Amino acid sequence: MRTALVRRTVLTASAVSLALLATACGSDKADTKADAKPSAGATSAAPAAKAKTDAELAGLLVAQADLPEHVIKPATPEESAAAAGATSDKPECLPLVKAQAMAPVGSAAGTARVKAAAKPKEPAANASAEEKLKAAMDALGTTATAVTLTSYEGKGAEEAFATLKAAGTACAGGYTGSQGGEGLKIEKLTPGASVTAGDAALAYTVVGDADGDKLSMELVVVRKGNTLATFSAVSLTGTAEQPKAVVDAQVKKLG
């Protein structure tokens, strides 16, 4: 199990807790698959609205009823505190590191966080030892997603989105992100599977190297009015799927 590898990802605590949570929870449903189109980032002018507070955003986070094929858990105070300490060796890449680390990008008026792990498929009651072992290994590959909502005054959400879009271009060749004393070298950042949601959307595949182990993460950013939703997905096996079901459910709750 690649616990050491995932511990060195930008998501640190949330990556480990999410993935381990997924391996402990069974279901007869599998995670959804993403398409393979280029990423999209169209913008749309929306009337300004009053920024939402932490409590108001918390009420808009995806919940268990919204995603029955996932296990939903709130971010811990320790994870929220660690997010504030996210850093990068390149200032222009810090917005990407913050988005992966459940930290606000820009000056947010409110922030709320939750974690969603796709339920792995349980083996049949009469499964052989080999089938049970395979099911356990498949569970380790469950995609775990950190969801962060941030709300802004004025054009703050548009500005934060633009900052992330610019960072995606400037940091395509790589950077190093760190959180809680652990760092991860990002080798490259490329467009992820296309996302059409909200007023604007971006999707990236982030490829890292942790002591020779390759790690492929998915990062999705959606703006809806003056609220920004970021989705950072990881897997203990090293390759995460884009969390389409989580993105769709969260954007639906934003209205």
C-alpha atoms as a PDB file:
ATOM      1  CA  MET A   1       0.000   0.000   0.000  1.00  0.00           C
ATOM      2  CA  ARG A   2       1.401   3.403  -1.028  1.00  0.00           C
ATOM      3  CA  THR A   3       0.688   5.201   2.251  1.00  0.00           C
ATOM      4  CA  ALA A   4       4.127   6.868   2.252  1.00  0.00           C
ATOM      5  CA  LEU A   5       3.618   8.079  -1.309  1.00  0.00           C
ATOM      6  CA  VAL A   6       0.226   9.597  -0.637  1.00  0.00           C
ATOM      7  CA  ARG A   7       1.457  11.120   2.623  1.00  0.00           C
ATOM      8  CA  ARG A   8       3.819  13.179   0.504  1.00  0.00           C
ATOM      9  CA  THR A   9       1.068  14.545  -1.725  1.00  0.00           C
ATOM     10  CA  VAL A  10      -0.144  18.095  -1.304  1.00  0.00           C
ATOM     11  CA  LEU A  11      -3.351  16.755   0.282  1.00  0.00           C
ATOM     12  CA  THR A  12      -1.382  15.055   3.085  1.00  0.00           C
ATOM     13  CA  ALA A  13      -3.835  14.214   5.885  1.00  0.00           C
ATOM     14  CA  SER A  14      -6.997  14.299   3.801  1.00  0.00           C
ATOM     15  CA  ALA A  15      -5.551  11.958   1.175  1.00  0.00           C
ATOM     16  CA  VAL A  16      -4.712   9.301   3.730  1.00  0.00           C
ATOM     17  CA  SER A  17      -7.902   9.607   5.772  1.00  0.00           C
ATOM     18  CA  LEU A  18     -10.110   9.551   2.695  1.00  0.00           C
ATOM     19  CA  ALA A  19      -8.449   6.567   1.074  1.00  0.00           C
ATOM     20  CA  LEU A  20      -8.375   4.550   4.281  1.00  0.00           C
ATOM     21  CA  LEU A  21     -12.005   5.476   4.897  1.00  0.00           C
ATOM     22  CA  ALA A  22     -12.904   4.111   1.467  1.00  0.00           C
ATOM     23  CA  THR A  23     -11.183   0.777   2.071  1.00  0.00           C
ATOM     24  CA  ALA A  24     -13.236   0.271   5.217  1.00  0.00           C
ATOM     25  CA  CYS A  25     -16.615   0.928   3.632  1.00  0.00           C
ATOM     26  CA  GLY A  26     -18.179  -1.501   1.173  1.00  0.00           C
ATOM     27  CA  SER A  27     -20.903  -1.170  -1.422  1.00  0.00           C
ATOM     28  CA  ASP A  28     -22.200  -2.946  -4.497  1.00  0.00           C
ATOM     29  CA  LYS A  29     -21.642   0.206  -6.542  1.00  0.00           C
ATOM     30  CA  ALA A  30     -18.467   1.325  -8.308  1.00  0.00           C
ATOM     31  CA  ASP A  31     -17.143   4.851  -8.884  1.00  0.00           C
ATOM     32  CA  THR A  32     -18.137   6.720 -12.026  1.00  0.00           C
ATOM     33  CA  LYS A  33     -15.838   7.080 -15.027  1.00  0.00           C
ATOM     34  CA  ALA A  34     -14.712  10.372 -16.555  1.00  0.00           C
ATOM     35  CA  ASP A  35     -14.740  11.183 -20.240  1.00  0.00           C
ATOM     36  CA  ALA A  36     -11.551  11.953 -22.120  1.00  0.00           C
ATOM     37  CA  LYS A  37     -12.194  15.335 -23.726  1.00  0.00           C
ATOM     38  CA  PRO A  38      -9.876  18.377 -23.324  1.00  0.00           C
ATOM     39  CA  SER A  39     -10.589  20.629 -20.334  1.00  0.00           C
ATOM     40  CA  ALA A  40     -12.868  23.626 -20.672  1.00  0.00           C
ATOM     41  CA  GLY A  41     -12.698  26.983 -18.943  1.00  0.00           C
ATOM     42  CA  ALA A  42     -15.370  29.225 -20.422  1.00  0.00           C
ATOM     43  CA  THR A  43     -16.328  32.270 -18.399  1.00  0.00           C
ATOM     44  CA  SER A  44     -19.715  33.860 -17.922  1.00  0.00           C
ATOM     45  CA  ALA A  45     -20.738  37.163 -16.409  1.00  0.00           C
ATOM     46  CA  ALA A  46     -23.003  36.727 -13.380  1.00  0.00           C
ATOM     47  CA  PRO A  47     -24.569  39.377 -11.175  1.00  0.00           C
ATOM     48  CA  ALA A  48     -22.646  40.052  -7.997  1.00  0.00           C
ATOM     49  CA  ALA A  49     -24.152  38.683  -4.803  1.00  0.00           C
ATOM     50  CA  LYS A  50     -23.319  38.988  -1.149  1.00  0.00           C
ATOM     51  CA  ALA A  51     -20.553  36.636  -0.052  1.00  0.00           C
ATOM     52  CA  LYS A  52     -21.601  33.617   1.984  1.00  0.00           C
ATOM     53  CA  THR A  53     -20.312  32.875   5.471  1.00  0.00           C
ATOM     54  CA  ASP A  54     -18.614  29.646   6.593  1.00  0.00           C
ATOM     55  CA  ALA A  55     -21.927  28.452   8.043  1.00  0.00           C
ATOM     56  CA  GLU A  56     -23.882  29.262   4.891  1.00  0.00           C
ATOM     57  CA  LEU A  57     -21.371  27.432   2.718  1.00  0.00           C
ATOM     58  CA  ALA A  58     -21.407  24.431   5.061  1.00  0.00           C
ATOM     59  CA  GLY A  59     -25.124  24.103   4.335  1.00  0.00           C
ATOM     60  CA  LEU A  60     -24.365  23.926   0.610  1.00  0.00           C
ATOM     61  CA  LEU A  61     -21.731  21.185   0.797  1.00  0.00           C
ATOM     62  CA  VAL A  62     -22.569  17.797  -0.680  1.00  0.00           C
ATOM     63  CA  ALA A  63     -24.003  15.444   1.936  1.00  0.00           C
ATOM     64  CA  GLN A  64     -24.523  11.697   2.188  1.00  0.00           C
ATOM     65  CA  ALA A  65     -28.027  11.947   0.718  1.00  0.00           C
ATOM     66  CA  ASP A  66     -26.601  13.639  -2.377  1.00  0.00           C
ATOM     67  CA  LEU A  67     -24.026  10.912  -3.026  1.00  0.00           C
ATOM     68  CA  PRO A  68     -25.304   7.510  -1.832  1.00  0.00           C
ATOM     69  CA  GLU A  69     -22.481   5.710  -3.680  1.00  0.00           C
ATOM     70  CA  HIS A  70     -19.880   7.625  -1.676  1.00  0.00           C
ATOM     71  CA  VAL A  71     -18.924   7.972   1.965  1.00  0.00           C
ATOM     72  CA  ILE A  72     -19.034  11.622   3.074  1.00  0.00           C
ATOM     73  CA  LYS A  73     -17.043  12.947   6.028  1.00  0.00           C
ATOM     74  CA  PRO A  74     -16.333  16.515   7.191  1.00  0.00           C
ATOM     75  CA  ALA A  75     -12.789  17.819   7.082  1.00  0.00           C
ATOM     76  CA  THR A  76     -11.152  17.715  10.492  1.00  0.00           C
ATOM     77  CA  PRO A  77      -9.920  20.855  12.298  1.00  0.00           C
ATOM     78  CA  GLU A  78      -6.383  19.507  11.872  1.00  0.00           C
ATOM     79  CA  GLU A  79      -6.820  19.258   8.097  1.00  0.00           C
ATOM     80  CA  SER A  80      -8.255  22.756   7.919  1.00  0.00           C
ATOM     81  CA  ALA A  81      -5.344  24.123   9.935  1.00  0.00           C
ATOM     82  CA  ALA A  82      -2.808  22.277   7.785  1.00  0.00           C
ATOM     83  CA  ALA A  83      -4.398  23.707   4.631  1.00  0.00           C
ATOM     84  CA  ALA A  84      -3.481  27.217   5.752  1.00  0.00           C
ATOM     85  CA  GLY A  85       0.214  26.248   5.725  1.00  0.00           C
ATOM     86  CA  ALA A  86       0.357  25.047   2.108  1.00  0.00           C
ATOM     87  CA  THR A  87       3.352  26.460   0.225  1.00  0.00           C
ATOM     88  CA  SER A  88       5.092  26.206  -3.153  1.00  0.00           C
ATOM     89  CA  ASP A  89       8.626  26.780  -4.408  1.00  0.00           C
ATOM     90  CA  LYS A  90       7.142  28.939  -7.192  1.00  0.00           C
ATOM     91  CA  PRO A  91       4.841  31.799  -6.121  1.00  0.00           C
ATOM     92  CA  GLU A  92       2.888  31.614  -9.384  1.00  0.00           C
ATOM     93  CA  CYS A  93       2.024  27.983  -8.600  1.00  0.00           C
ATOM     94  CA  LEU A  94       0.815  28.562  -5.032  1.00  0.00           C
ATOM     95  CA  PRO A  95      -2.859  28.899  -6.109  1.00  0.00           C
ATOM     96  CA  LEU A  96      -2.746  25.339  -7.477  1.00  0.00           C
ATOM     97  CA  VAL A  97      -1.188  24.027  -4.270  1.00  0.00           C
ATOM     98  CA  LYS A  98      -3.831  25.818  -2.209  1.00  0.00           C
ATOM     99  CA  ALA A  99      -6.635  24.395  -4.336  1.00  0.00           C
ATOM    100  CA  GLN A 100      -5.278  20.872  -3.831  1.00  0.00           C
ATOM    101  CA  ALA A 101      -4.785  21.446  -0.116  1.00  0.00           C
ATOM    102  CA  MET A 102      -8.359  22.614   0.689  1.00  0.00           C
ATOM    103  CA  ALA A 103      -7.140  26.186   1.236  1.00  0.00           C
ATOM    104  CA  PRO A 104      -8.865  29.323  -0.101  1.00  0.00           C
ATOM    105  CA  VAL A 105      -7.406  30.964  -3.210  1.00  0.00           C
ATOM    106  CA  GLY A 106      -7.447  34.733  -2.815  1.00  0.00           C
ATOM    107  CA  SER A 107      -9.325  36.623  -0.107  1.00  0.00           C
ATOM    108  CA  ALA A 108     -12.350  34.468   0.588  1.00  0.00           C
ATOM    109  CA  ALA A 109     -15.113  35.678   2.905  1.00  0.00           C
ATOM    110  CA  GLY A 110     -16.221  32.134   3.744  1.00  0.00           C
ATOM    111  CA  THR A 111     -14.866  28.592   3.454  1.00  0.00           C
ATOM    112  CA  ALA A 112     -16.308  25.097   3.960  1.00  0.00           C
ATOM    113  CA  ARG A 113     -14.783  21.663   3.345  1.00  0.00           C
ATOM    114  CA  VAL A 114     -15.887  18.041   3.070  1.00  0.00           C
ATOM    115  CA  LYS A 115     -14.398  14.725   1.912  1.00  0.00           C
ATOM    116  CA  ALA A 116     -16.002  12.171  -0.374  1.00  0.00           C
ATOM    117  CA  ALA A 117     -14.757   8.638  -1.034  1.00  0.00           C
ATOM    118  CA  ALA A 118     -16.339   6.352  -3.613  1.00  0.00           C
ATOM    119  CA  LYS A 119     -17.564   3.125  -2.000  1.00  0.00           C
ATOM    120  CA  PRO A 120     -15.630   0.083  -3.267  1.00  0.00           C
ATOM    121  CA  LYS A 121     -17.446  -2.983  -4.541  1.00  0.00           C
ATOM    122  CA  GLU A 122     -17.772  -5.738  -1.940  1.00  0.00           C
ATOM    123  CA  PRO A 123     -16.908  -9.324  -2.900  1.00  0.00           C
ATOM    124  CA  ALA A 124     -19.735 -11.868  -2.994  1.00  0.00           C
ATOM    125  CA  ALA A 125     -20.480 -13.750   0.219  1.00  0.00           C
ATOM    126  CA  ASN A 126     -19.121 -16.962  -1.331  1.00  0.00           C
ATOM    127  CA  ALA A 127     -16.101 -15.293  -2.939  1.00  0.00           C
ATOM    128  CA  SER A 128     -12.813 -17.173  -2.991  1.00  0.00           C
ATOM    129  CA  ALA A 129      -9.749 -15.953  -1.100  1.00  0.00           C
ATOM    130  CA  GLU A 130      -8.308 -14.715  -4.378  1.00  0.00           C
ATOM    131  CA  GLU A 131     -11.467 -12.750  -5.180  1.00  0.00           C
ATOM    132  CA  LYS A 132     -11.500 -11.228  -1.699  1.00  0.00           C
ATOM    133  CA  LEU A 133      -7.864 -10.196  -2.092  1.00  0.00           C
ATOM    134  CA  LYS A 134      -8.626  -8.578  -5.430  1.00  0.00           C
ATOM    135  CA  ALA A 135     -11.577  -6.719  -3.891  1.00  0.00           C
ATOM    136  CA  ALA A 136      -9.309  -5.435  -1.129  1.00  0.00           C
ATOM    137  CA  MET A 137      -6.762  -4.212  -3.663  1.00  0.00           C
ATOM    138  CA  ASP A 138      -9.503  -2.557  -5.709  1.00  0.00           C
ATOM    139  CA  ALA A 139     -10.676  -0.785  -2.565  1.00  0.00           C
ATOM    140  CA  LEU A 140      -7.232   0.766  -2.213  1.00  0.00           C
ATOM    141  CA  GLY A 141      -7.729   2.284  -5.645  1.00  0.00           C
ATOM    142  CA  THR A 142     -10.878   4.137  -4.616  1.00  0.00           C
ATOM    143  CA  THR A 143     -10.803   7.776  -5.666  1.00  0.00           C
ATOM    144  CA  ALA A 144     -10.984  10.102  -2.672  1.00  0.00           C
ATOM    145  CA  THR A 145     -11.974  13.727  -3.221  1.00  0.00           C
ATOM    146  CA  ALA A 146     -11.514  16.812  -1.075  1.00  0.00           C
ATOM    147  CA  VAL A 147     -14.241  19.376  -1.790  1.00  0.00           C
ATOM    148  CA  THR A 148     -13.750  23.018  -0.835  1.00  0.00           C
ATOM    149  CA  LEU A 149     -16.271  25.844  -1.213  1.00  0.00           C
ATOM    150  CA  THR A 150     -15.108  29.455  -0.968  1.00  0.00           C
ATOM    151  CA  SER A 151     -17.235  32.586  -1.315  1.00  0.00           C
ATOM    152  CA  TYR A 152     -16.043  36.092  -2.237  1.00  0.00           C
ATOM    153  CA  GLU A 153     -17.144  39.692  -2.224  1.00  0.00           C
ATOM    154  CA  GLY A 154     -17.480  41.542  -5.525  1.00  0.00           C
ATOM    155  CA  LYS A 155     -15.498  39.940  -8.333  1.00  0.00           C
ATOM    156  CA  GLY A 156     -13.300  37.940  -5.951  1.00  0.00           C
ATOM    157  CA  ALA A 157     -14.463  34.546  -7.264  1.00  0.00           C
ATOM    158  CA  GLU A 158     -13.806  35.550 -10.873  1.00  0.00           C
ATOM    159  CA  GLU A 159     -10.367  36.827  -9.895  1.00  0.00           C
ATOM    160  CA  ALA A 160      -9.534  33.630  -7.982  1.00  0.00           C
ATOM    161  CA  PHE A 161     -10.655  31.536 -10.946  1.00  0.00           C
ATOM    162  CA  ALA A 162      -8.528  33.638 -13.311  1.00  0.00           C
ATOM    163  CA  THR A 163      -5.554  33.186 -10.983  1.00  0.00           C
ATOM    164  CA  LEU A 164      -5.954  29.406 -11.087  1.00  0.00           C
ATOM    165  CA  LYS A 165      -6.304  29.457 -14.862  1.00  0.00           C
ATOM    166  CA  ALA A 166      -3.119  31.518 -15.188  1.00  0.00           C
ATOM    167  CA  ALA A 167      -1.311  29.196 -12.782  1.00  0.00           C
ATOM    168  CA  GLY A 168      -2.325  26.215 -14.886  1.00  0.00           C
ATOM    169  CA  THR A 169      -0.512  27.769 -17.849  1.00  0.00           C
ATOM    170  CA  ALA A 170       2.513  29.060 -15.948  1.00  0.00           C
ATOM    171  CA  CYS A 171       3.063  25.836 -13.989  1.00  0.00           C
ATOM    172  CA  ALA A 172       2.493  23.235 -16.710  1.00  0.00           C
ATOM    173  CA  GLY A 173       6.174  22.322 -16.511  1.00  0.00           C
ATOM    174  CA  GLY A 174       6.063  21.472 -12.811  1.00  0.00           C
ATOM    175  CA  TYR A 175       6.573  22.848  -9.316  1.00  0.00           C
ATOM    176  CA  THR A 176       6.891  21.617  -5.730  1.00  0.00           C
ATOM    177  CA  GLY A 177       4.050  21.800  -3.240  1.00  0.00           C
ATOM    178  CA  SER A 178       4.295  21.200   0.489  1.00  0.00           C
ATOM    179  CA  GLN A 179       1.997  21.004   3.474  1.00  0.00           C
ATOM    180  CA  GLY A 180       2.540  19.957   7.064  1.00  0.00           C
ATOM    181  CA  GLY A 181       6.260  19.432   6.548  1.00  0.00           C
ATOM    182  CA  GLU A 182       5.771  17.031   3.620  1.00  0.00           C
ATOM    183  CA  GLY A 183       6.511  17.979   0.023  1.00  0.00           C
ATOM    184  CA  LEU A 184       5.726  16.592  -3.400  1.00  0.00           C
ATOM    185  CA  LYS A 185       7.468  17.359  -6.673  1.00  0.00           C
ATOM    186  CA  ILE A 186       4.961  17.960  -9.452  1.00  0.00           C
ATOM    187  CA  GLU A 187       6.440  16.953 -12.796  1.00  0.00           C
ATOM    188  CA  LYS A 188       3.695  18.340 -15.016  1.00  0.00           C
ATOM    189  CA  LEU A 189       0.162  19.643 -15.137  1.00  0.00           C
ATOM    190  CA  THR A 190      -2.014  18.929 -18.163  1.00  0.00           C
ATOM    191  CA  PRO A 191      -5.668  19.540 -19.162  1.00  0.00           C
ATOM    192  CA  GLY A 192      -7.981  16.971 -17.554  1.00  0.00           C
ATOM    193  CA  ALA A 193     -11.255  15.516 -18.786  1.00  0.00           C
ATOM    194  CA  SER A 194     -13.670  18.225 -19.895  1.00  0.00           C
ATOM    195  CA  VAL A 195     -15.997  19.679 -17.263  1.00  0.00           C
ATOM    196  CA  THR A 196     -19.080  21.706 -18.210  1.00  0.00           C
ATOM    197  CA  ALA A 197     -20.557  23.151 -15.040  1.00  0.00           C
ATOM    198  CA  GLY A 198     -21.365  26.411 -13.328  1.00  0.00           C
ATOM    199  CA  ASP A 199     -20.367  29.726 -14.912  1.00  0.00           C
ATOM    200  CA  ALA A 200     -16.776  28.597 -15.583  1.00  0.00           C
ATOM    201  CA  ALA A 201     -14.804  25.393 -15.116  1.00  0.00           C
ATOM    202  CA  LEU A 202     -11.218  24.146 -15.276  1.00  0.00           C
ATOM    203  CA  ALA A 203      -9.860  20.603 -15.048  1.00  0.00           C
ATOM    204  CA  TYR A 204      -6.268  19.462 -14.641  1.00  0.00           C
ATOM    205  CA  THR A 205      -4.384  16.195 -14.294  1.00  0.00           C
ATOM    206  CA  VAL A 206      -1.483  16.718 -11.895  1.00  0.00           C
ATOM    207  CA  VAL A 207       1.396  14.236 -12.163  1.00  0.00           C
ATOM    208  CA  GLY A 208       3.815  14.033  -9.248  1.00  0.00           C
ATOM    209  CA  ASP A 209       6.944  12.094  -8.303  1.00  0.00           C
ATOM    210  CA  ALA A 210       7.411  10.911  -4.716  1.00  0.00           C
ATOM    211  CA  ASP A 211      10.811   9.238  -4.385  1.00  0.00           C
ATOM    212  CA  GLY A 212      10.405   7.550  -7.763  1.00  0.00           C
ATOM    213  CA  ASP A 213       6.740   6.640  -7.335  1.00  0.00           C
ATOM    214  CA  LYS A 214       4.422   8.280  -9.858  1.00  0.00           C
ATOM    215  CA  LEU A 215       1.206   9.840  -8.614  1.00  0.00           C
ATOM    216  CA  SER A 216      -1.580  11.122 -10.885  1.00  0.00           C
ATOM    217  CA  MET A 217      -4.139  13.400  -9.234  1.00  0.00           C
ATOM    218  CA  GLU A 218      -7.176  15.219 -10.616  1.00  0.00           C
ATOM    219  CA  LEU A 219      -8.026  18.850  -9.874  1.00  0.00           C
ATOM    220  CA  VAL A 220     -11.324  20.450 -10.913  1.00  0.00           C
ATOM    221  CA  VAL A 221     -12.337  24.070 -10.304  1.00  0.00           C
ATOM    222  CA  VAL A 222     -15.871  25.356 -10.860  1.00  0.00           C
ATOM    223  CA  ARG A 223     -17.128  28.910 -10.373  1.00  0.00           C
ATOM    224  CA  LYS A 224     -20.827  29.493  -9.704  1.00  0.00           C
ATOM    225  CA  GLY A 225     -21.564  33.173  -9.190  1.00  0.00           C
ATOM    226  CA  ASN A 226     -19.354  34.398  -6.365  1.00  0.00           C
ATOM    227  CA  THR A 227     -18.633  30.882  -5.072  1.00  0.00           C
ATOM    228  CA  LEU A 228     -15.669  28.762  -6.092  1.00  0.00           C
ATOM    229  CA  ALA A 229     -15.771  24.959  -5.724  1.00  0.00           C
ATOM    230  CA  THR A 230     -12.519  23.013  -5.919  1.00  0.00           C
ATOM    231  CA  PHE A 231     -12.232  19.227  -6.117  1.00  0.00           C
ATOM    232  CA  SER A 232      -8.896  17.517  -5.505  1.00  0.00           C
ATOM    233  CA  ALA A 233      -8.889  13.751  -6.100  1.00  0.00           C
ATOM    234  CA  VAL A 234      -6.261  11.187  -5.108  1.00  0.00           C
ATOM    235  CA  SER A 235      -5.920   7.408  -4.874  1.00  0.00           C
ATOM    236  CA  LEU A 236      -3.636   5.228  -2.765  1.00  0.00           C
ATOM    237  CA  THR A 237      -2.760   3.202  -5.852  1.00  0.00           C
ATOM    238  CA  GLY A 238      -1.366   6.339  -7.450  1.00  0.00           C
ATOM    239  CA  THR A 239      -3.920   7.075 -10.186  1.00  0.00           C
ATOM    240  CA  ALA A 240      -7.126   8.938  -9.383  1.00  0.00           C
ATOM    241  CA  GLU A 241     -10.195   9.275 -11.594  1.00  0.00           C
ATOM    242  CA  GLN A 242     -11.827  12.626 -12.166  1.00  0.00           C
ATOM    243  CA  PRO A 243     -14.635  12.778  -9.547  1.00  0.00           C
ATOM    244  CA  LYS A 244     -17.444  13.547 -11.990  1.00  0.00           C
ATOM    245  CA  ALA A 245     -20.259  12.353  -9.722  1.00  0.00           C
ATOM    246  CA  VAL A 246     -18.991  14.514  -6.856  1.00  0.00           C
ATOM    247  CA  VAL A 247     -18.602  17.562  -9.113  1.00  0.00           C
ATOM    248  CA  ASP A 248     -22.088  17.157 -10.572  1.00  0.00           C
ATOM    249  CA  ALA A 249     -23.729  16.718  -7.165  1.00  0.00           C
ATOM    250  CA  GLN A 250     -21.912  19.697  -5.635  1.00  0.00           C
ATOM    251  CA  VAL A 251     -22.624  22.066  -8.509  1.00  0.00           C
ATOM    252  CA  LYS A 252     -26.301  21.049  -8.391  1.00  0.00           C
ATOM    253  CA  LYS A 253     -26.441  22.080  -4.718  1.00  0.00           C
ATOM    254  CA  LEU A 254     -24.976  25.476  -5.566  1.00  0.00           C
ATOM    255  CA  GLY A 255     -28.083  26.110  -7.701  1.00  0.00           C
END
